[in-house]
Amino acid sequence: MEAFVITRIIKAPREKVFDSFTNPDHLAQWWGPRGFTTSTFEMDVRSGGRWRYIMHGPDGTDYDNRVVYSEVVRPERLVYVHSHDIDDDPLQFNSSITFEDVEGGTLVTLRVTASSEEQREDMISFGAVEGGTQTLARADEFLSIGDAMFTYARTFNAPLTRVWDCYTKEEHLAKWWGPKGFVFLSCKLDLRPCGTFHYGMQGPDGSMMWGMLRYREVQQYEKLVFITEFSDEEGNTTRHPLAPNWPLQTMTIATFTETDGKTTISFEVRPVEASNVELEMFASAHGGMNVGTNGMFDMLDEYLVTFDPASC
């Protein structure tokens, strides 16, 4: 029994749209209704493969999900069974997503099939249609970011394990994290998917500033995916204290690679659910972001020279 069908023309080529539905780095930035974020634990996009992930609700509730693909035809369609991340889930349902070249972009069609009229009514009353509509809208917005994405890379004359430790342990972060001229005051770090890094700093003028990283993916010595936002001392999300049109949240994908004993950190940073005004501000700030990131990583460079491996 067909429960509902949702369609949207996404303003991007079909291959690119298909990639956004099958790349966990992309899905982390748009999958789910507005206010939700996604952490992927496993993704194997092939017939019989699984995608296991948690959706984090705006109220802090986590929702376990499992997708098992029955058909994957690139870049035409995905067919799968969707359930909570448990075996023999009585609430599981069948879904398909098709991708069709049309004028102006790609027609994406999401079809959901219910096992009974009761399940169909439950889905609709739960808000599944609106949630699916918002999800496709967020995919469209994500693929429309374009020039707003900020990229950066820096190579350090230190091995990967040392750089990773300096980036992921409280005692090291306290020695270099933050803009130049700021005094690092305190932090609480819980490095795991769904964990956080909450920190406080004092500016040159004596003002206090708090920030929060919310980790969505942690692959030791390889990659970190996290949401960055300004916060208050209690960890509540706040606006940028000096720029009210700054995006409320940004998503960073940081990758770590080692070559000949040197480590490169590469960034991709995108606004999350930003308005056009926020996107424009973010894009216009790339020059200042480059200067600020250089300054912070200059301090990491200096700290690495004094780094004592025995402290880890």
Protein backbone atom coordinates (compact mmCIF):
# COMPACT_ATOMS: atom_id res chain seq x y z
CA MET A 1 0.00 0.00 0.00
CA GLU A 2 1.44 3.36 -1.05
CA ALA A 3 1.60 5.63 1.98
CA PHE A 4 2.70 8.83 0.30
CA VAL A 5 4.78 10.29 -2.52
CA ILE A 6 6.92 13.45 -2.29
CA THR A 7 8.59 15.10 -5.28
CA ARG A 8 10.94 18.03 -5.74
CA ILE A 9 13.05 19.41 -8.57
CA ILE A 10 16.52 19.94 -7.11
CA LYS A 11 18.58 22.50 -8.99
CA ALA A 12 21.66 20.34 -9.60
CA PRO A 13 22.81 17.62 -12.06
CA ARG A 14 21.54 14.10 -11.43
CA GLU A 15 24.97 12.61 -10.62
CA LYS A 16 25.59 15.31 -8.02
CA VAL A 17 22.16 14.83 -6.47
CA PHE A 18 22.64 11.06 -6.30
CA ASP A 19 26.01 11.58 -4.61
CA SER A 20 24.38 13.75 -1.95
CA PHE A 21 22.06 10.83 -1.08
CA THR A 22 24.88 8.27 -0.85
CA ASN A 23 27.80 10.16 0.71
CA PRO A 24 27.70 10.26 4.55
CA ASP A 25 29.65 13.54 4.64
CA HIS A 26 26.92 15.14 2.55
CA LEU A 27 24.02 13.49 4.36
CA ALA A 28 25.34 14.80 7.68
CA GLN A 29 24.62 18.30 6.44
CA TRP A 30 21.04 18.00 5.25
CA TRP A 31 19.28 14.67 5.93
CA GLY A 32 16.12 14.91 8.01
CA PRO A 33 13.52 17.57 8.81
CA ARG A 34 14.62 21.08 9.77
CA GLY A 35 16.41 21.23 13.08
CA PHE A 36 17.70 17.66 12.82
CA THR A 37 21.28 16.53 12.24
CA THR A 38 22.60 13.09 11.35
CA SER A 39 25.51 10.93 12.53
CA THR A 40 26.40 7.96 10.31
CA PHE A 41 27.98 4.85 11.84
CA GLU A 42 27.90 2.56 8.82
CA MET A 43 27.16 3.13 5.14
CA ASP A 44 27.51 0.54 2.39
CA VAL A 45 25.52 1.66 -0.65
CA ARG A 46 24.95 -1.56 -2.60
CA SER A 47 22.27 -4.22 -2.85
CA GLY A 48 22.24 -5.85 0.58
CA GLY A 49 24.32 -3.05 2.12
CA ARG A 50 23.27 -1.02 5.17
CA TRP A 51 23.16 2.58 6.29
CA ARG A 52 23.02 2.89 10.08
CA TYR A 53 22.65 6.36 11.53
CA ILE A 54 21.27 8.44 14.37
CA MET A 55 19.08 11.47 13.79
CA HIS A 56 19.49 14.11 16.50
CA GLY A 57 16.29 16.04 17.13
CA PRO A 58 16.21 19.74 18.04
CA ASP A 59 15.00 18.82 21.53
CA GLY A 60 18.01 16.55 22.10
CA THR A 61 16.21 13.28 21.39
CA ASP A 62 18.19 10.72 19.36
CA TYR A 63 16.49 8.41 16.86
CA ASP A 64 18.23 5.20 15.74
CA ASN A 65 17.72 4.31 12.07
CA ARG A 66 18.69 1.51 9.75
CA VAL A 67 18.36 1.39 5.96
CA VAL A 68 18.96 -1.88 4.09
CA TYR A 69 19.32 -1.39 0.35
CA SER A 70 17.61 -3.90 -1.95
CA GLU A 71 18.41 -2.06 -5.18
CA VAL A 72 21.05 0.54 -6.05
CA VAL A 73 21.19 1.78 -9.64
CA ARG A 74 23.47 4.78 -10.02
CA PRO A 75 22.34 7.50 -10.66
CA GLU A 76 18.73 6.41 -11.18
CA ARG A 77 17.26 4.96 -8.00
CA LEU A 78 17.63 3.66 -4.47
CA VAL A 79 15.23 1.05 -3.08
CA TYR A 80 15.41 0.09 0.58
CA VAL A 81 13.76 -1.04 3.79
CA HIS A 82 13.78 1.60 6.54
CA SER A 83 13.54 0.65 10.20
CA HIS A 84 14.66 1.53 13.67
CA ASP A 85 18.11 0.03 14.24
CA ILE A 86 16.71 -3.29 15.47
CA ASP A 87 16.07 -6.65 13.84
CA ASP A 88 12.51 -7.57 12.83
CA ASP A 89 11.23 -4.07 13.51
CA PRO A 90 7.40 -4.21 13.29
CA LEU A 91 7.37 -0.57 12.20
CA GLN A 92 9.73 -0.98 9.23
CA PHE A 93 8.57 0.22 5.82
CA ASN A 94 9.69 0.14 2.18
CA SER A 95 10.90 3.21 0.36
CA SER A 96 12.33 4.19 -2.99
CA ILE A 97 14.00 7.34 -4.26
CA THR A 98 14.29 7.96 -8.00
CA PHE A 99 16.36 10.60 -9.78
CA GLU A 100 15.30 11.89 -13.21
CA ASP A 101 16.94 14.47 -15.45
CA VAL A 102 14.50 17.31 -16.13
CA GLU A 103 14.73 20.89 -17.26
CA GLY A 104 16.12 22.95 -14.39
CA GLY A 105 17.75 20.10 -12.51
CA THR A 106 16.83 16.68 -11.15
CA LEU A 107 13.35 15.44 -10.29
CA VAL A 108 13.63 13.52 -7.02
CA THR A 109 10.68 11.29 -6.12
CA LEU A 110 10.39 9.70 -2.69
CA ARG A 111 7.83 6.87 -2.42
CA VAL A 112 6.97 5.25 0.89
CA THR A 113 4.94 2.04 1.15
CA ALA A 114 3.04 1.03 4.29
CA SER A 115 2.19 -2.52 5.32
CA SER A 116 -1.32 -1.56 6.38
CA GLU A 117 -3.78 1.30 6.45
CA GLU A 118 -3.08 1.66 10.17
CA GLN A 119 0.65 2.12 9.55
CA ARG A 120 -0.09 4.62 6.78
CA GLU A 121 -2.29 6.68 9.11
CA ASP A 122 0.36 6.51 11.84
CA MET A 123 3.02 7.80 9.43
CA ILE A 124 0.88 10.71 8.32
CA SER A 125 -0.18 11.65 11.85
CA PHE A 126 3.48 11.49 12.96
CA GLY A 127 4.34 14.12 10.33
CA ALA A 128 6.20 11.92 7.87
CA VAL A 129 4.96 13.82 4.81
CA GLU A 130 6.05 17.20 6.16
CA GLY A 131 9.31 15.69 7.36
CA GLY A 132 10.03 14.23 3.93
CA THR A 133 9.14 17.52 2.26
CA GLN A 134 11.53 19.42 4.53
CA THR A 135 14.25 16.83 3.93
CA LEU A 136 14.14 17.27 0.14
CA ALA A 137 14.07 21.05 0.59
CA ARG A 138 17.23 20.83 2.71
CA ALA A 139 18.91 18.69 0.03
CA ASP A 140 18.11 21.41 -2.51
CA GLU A 141 19.51 24.10 -0.19
CA PHE A 142 22.66 22.08 0.50
CA LEU A 143 23.37 21.62 -3.20
CA SER A 144 22.74 25.33 -3.81
CA ILE A 145 25.40 26.52 -1.34
CA GLY A 146 28.08 26.67 -4.05
CA ASP A 147 30.56 29.48 -3.41
CA ALA A 148 29.53 29.76 0.24
CA MET A 149 31.63 26.69 1.14
CA PHE A 150 34.95 27.55 2.82
CA THR A 151 37.94 25.28 2.20
CA TYR A 152 41.32 25.33 3.90
CA ALA A 153 44.38 23.08 4.23
CA ARG A 154 47.51 23.28 6.37
CA THR A 155 50.52 20.94 6.60
CA PHE A 156 52.36 20.49 9.89
CA ASN A 157 55.87 19.14 10.35
CA ALA A 158 54.70 16.46 12.77
CA PRO A 159 53.38 12.88 12.56
CA LEU A 160 49.68 12.17 12.30
CA THR A 161 49.28 10.70 15.80
CA ARG A 162 50.81 13.80 17.38
CA VAL A 163 48.66 16.26 15.42
CA TRP A 164 45.53 14.21 16.12
CA ASP A 165 46.25 14.18 19.85
CA CYS A 166 46.73 17.95 19.86
CA TYR A 167 43.39 18.35 18.09
CA THR A 168 41.38 15.94 20.24
CA LYS A 169 42.61 16.14 23.84
CA GLU A 170 41.67 18.81 26.37
CA GLU A 171 45.16 19.29 27.79
CA HIS A 172 46.55 20.09 24.35
CA LEU A 173 43.63 22.11 22.97
CA ALA A 174 43.95 24.45 25.96
CA LYS A 175 47.41 25.44 24.72
CA TRP A 176 46.52 26.62 21.21
CA TRP A 177 42.77 26.60 20.40
CA GLY A 178 41.07 29.87 19.49
CA PRO A 179 41.89 33.16 17.77
CA LYS A 180 45.23 34.80 18.37
CA GLY A 181 45.10 37.19 21.30
CA PHE A 182 42.41 35.24 23.16
CA VAL A 183 43.00 33.48 26.48
CA PHE A 184 41.67 29.94 26.67
CA LEU A 185 39.82 29.56 29.99
CA SER A 186 38.19 26.15 30.18
CA CYS A 187 36.66 23.32 28.22
CA LYS A 188 34.78 20.05 28.46
CA LEU A 189 35.49 17.50 25.74
CA ASP A 190 33.60 14.31 24.93
CA LEU A 191 35.13 13.02 21.70
CA ARG A 192 32.64 10.60 20.18
CA PRO A 193 29.72 10.74 17.77
CA CYS A 194 27.01 12.76 19.58
CA GLY A 195 29.69 14.14 21.97
CA THR A 196 30.62 17.81 22.37
CA PHE A 197 33.52 20.18 22.89
CA HIS A 198 32.36 23.20 24.94
CA TYR A 199 34.94 25.90 25.60
CA GLY A 200 35.30 29.42 26.92
CA MET A 201 37.75 32.18 25.96
CA GLN A 202 38.48 35.74 26.99
CA GLY A 203 39.10 38.33 24.31
CA PRO A 204 41.79 41.04 24.36
CA ASP A 205 39.15 43.52 25.55
CA GLY A 206 38.19 41.29 28.47
CA SER A 207 34.94 40.06 26.95
CA MET A 208 33.91 36.42 27.34
CA MET A 209 33.12 34.16 24.39
CA TRP A 210 31.82 30.60 24.44
CA GLY A 211 31.72 28.05 21.65
CA MET A 212 30.43 24.54 21.04
CA LEU A 213 31.43 21.73 18.68
CA ARG A 214 28.92 18.91 18.30
CA TYR A 215 30.61 15.83 16.89
CA ARG A 216 28.73 13.87 14.27
CA GLU A 217 31.50 11.54 13.08
CA VAL A 218 34.83 10.53 14.64
CA GLN A 219 37.24 8.31 12.70
CA GLN A 220 40.46 8.15 14.68
CA TYR A 221 43.47 9.55 12.81
CA GLU A 222 41.30 10.11 9.71
CA LYS A 223 38.31 12.41 10.01
CA LEU A 224 36.14 14.58 12.24
CA VAL A 225 32.71 15.87 11.27
CA PHE A 226 31.20 18.43 13.61
CA ILE A 227 28.76 21.28 13.91
CA THR A 228 30.17 24.56 15.23
CA GLU A 229 28.10 27.22 16.96
CA PHE A 230 28.45 30.05 19.43
CA SER A 231 27.02 29.32 22.86
CA ASP A 232 26.62 30.64 26.36
CA GLU A 233 28.36 29.34 29.48
CA GLU A 234 25.67 26.67 29.94
CA GLY A 235 26.09 25.38 26.39
CA ASN A 236 22.93 26.87 24.88
CA THR A 237 23.19 27.91 21.24
CA THR A 238 23.51 31.66 20.67
CA ARG A 239 24.07 34.04 17.79
CA HIS A 240 27.50 35.37 16.88
CA PRO A 241 28.07 38.13 19.47
CA LEU A 242 29.41 40.55 16.88
CA ALA A 243 27.62 39.46 13.69
CA PRO A 244 23.88 38.73 14.05
CA ASN A 245 23.63 37.64 10.39
CA TRP A 246 26.25 34.94 10.81
CA PRO A 247 24.84 31.39 10.28
CA LEU A 248 23.62 29.90 13.53
CA GLN A 249 25.50 26.67 12.75
CA THR A 250 28.20 25.52 10.38
CA MET A 251 29.23 21.97 9.50
CA THR A 252 32.94 21.13 9.25
CA ILE A 253 34.50 18.07 7.64
CA ALA A 254 38.12 17.87 8.80
CA THR A 255 40.37 15.19 7.28
CA PHE A 256 43.83 14.21 8.49
CA THR A 257 46.46 12.68 6.21
CA GLU A 258 50.17 11.92 6.66
CA THR A 259 52.94 11.95 4.05
CA ASP A 260 56.63 11.50 4.86
CA GLY A 261 56.09 12.25 8.53
CA LYS A 262 54.12 15.46 7.88
CA THR A 263 50.41 15.84 8.56
CA THR A 264 47.88 17.80 6.53
CA ILE A 265 44.53 18.93 7.96
CA SER A 266 41.96 19.80 5.28
CA PHE A 267 38.69 21.60 5.99
CA GLU A 268 35.36 21.92 4.24
CA VAL A 269 33.00 24.26 6.10
CA ARG A 270 29.39 24.89 5.07
CA PRO A 271 26.54 26.81 6.69
CA VAL A 272 23.68 24.69 7.99
CA GLU A 273 20.12 25.73 7.07
CA ALA A 274 21.24 29.29 6.46
CA SER A 275 19.15 32.10 4.98
CA ASN A 276 20.30 33.89 1.83
CA VAL A 277 21.51 36.80 3.98
CA GLU A 278 23.52 34.39 6.15
CA LEU A 279 24.97 32.63 3.11
CA GLU A 280 26.06 35.93 1.63
CA MET A 281 27.71 36.97 4.88
CA PHE A 282 29.48 33.64 5.23
CA ALA A 283 30.77 33.79 1.65
CA SER A 284 31.96 37.38 2.07
CA ALA A 285 33.90 36.40 5.21
CA HIS A 286 36.15 33.79 3.58
CA GLY A 287 39.14 36.13 3.57
CA GLY A 288 38.82 36.84 7.27
CA MET A 289 38.22 33.16 8.01
CA ASN A 290 41.41 32.28 6.18
CA VAL A 291 43.37 34.82 8.25
CA GLY A 292 41.78 33.62 11.50
CA THR A 293 42.40 29.94 10.76
CA ASN A 294 45.99 30.70 9.80
CA GLY A 295 46.47 32.49 13.11
CA MET A 296 45.04 29.62 15.13
CA PHE A 297 47.09 27.04 13.27
CA ASP A 298 50.21 29.16 13.71
CA MET A 299 49.69 28.60 17.43
CA LEU A 300 49.23 24.86 16.86
CA ASP A 301 52.45 24.85 14.82
CA GLU A 302 54.30 26.53 17.69
CA TYR A 303 52.82 24.16 20.24
CA LEU A 304 53.80 21.08 18.21
CA VAL A 305 57.44 22.14 18.51
CA THR A 306 57.20 21.86 22.31
CA PHE A 307 54.91 18.84 22.31
CA ASP A 308 55.93 16.06 24.72
CA PRO A 309 54.69 12.65 23.46
CA ALA A 310 54.97 11.35 27.02
CA SER A 311 52.05 13.62 27.97
CA CYS A 312 49.64 11.50 25.91
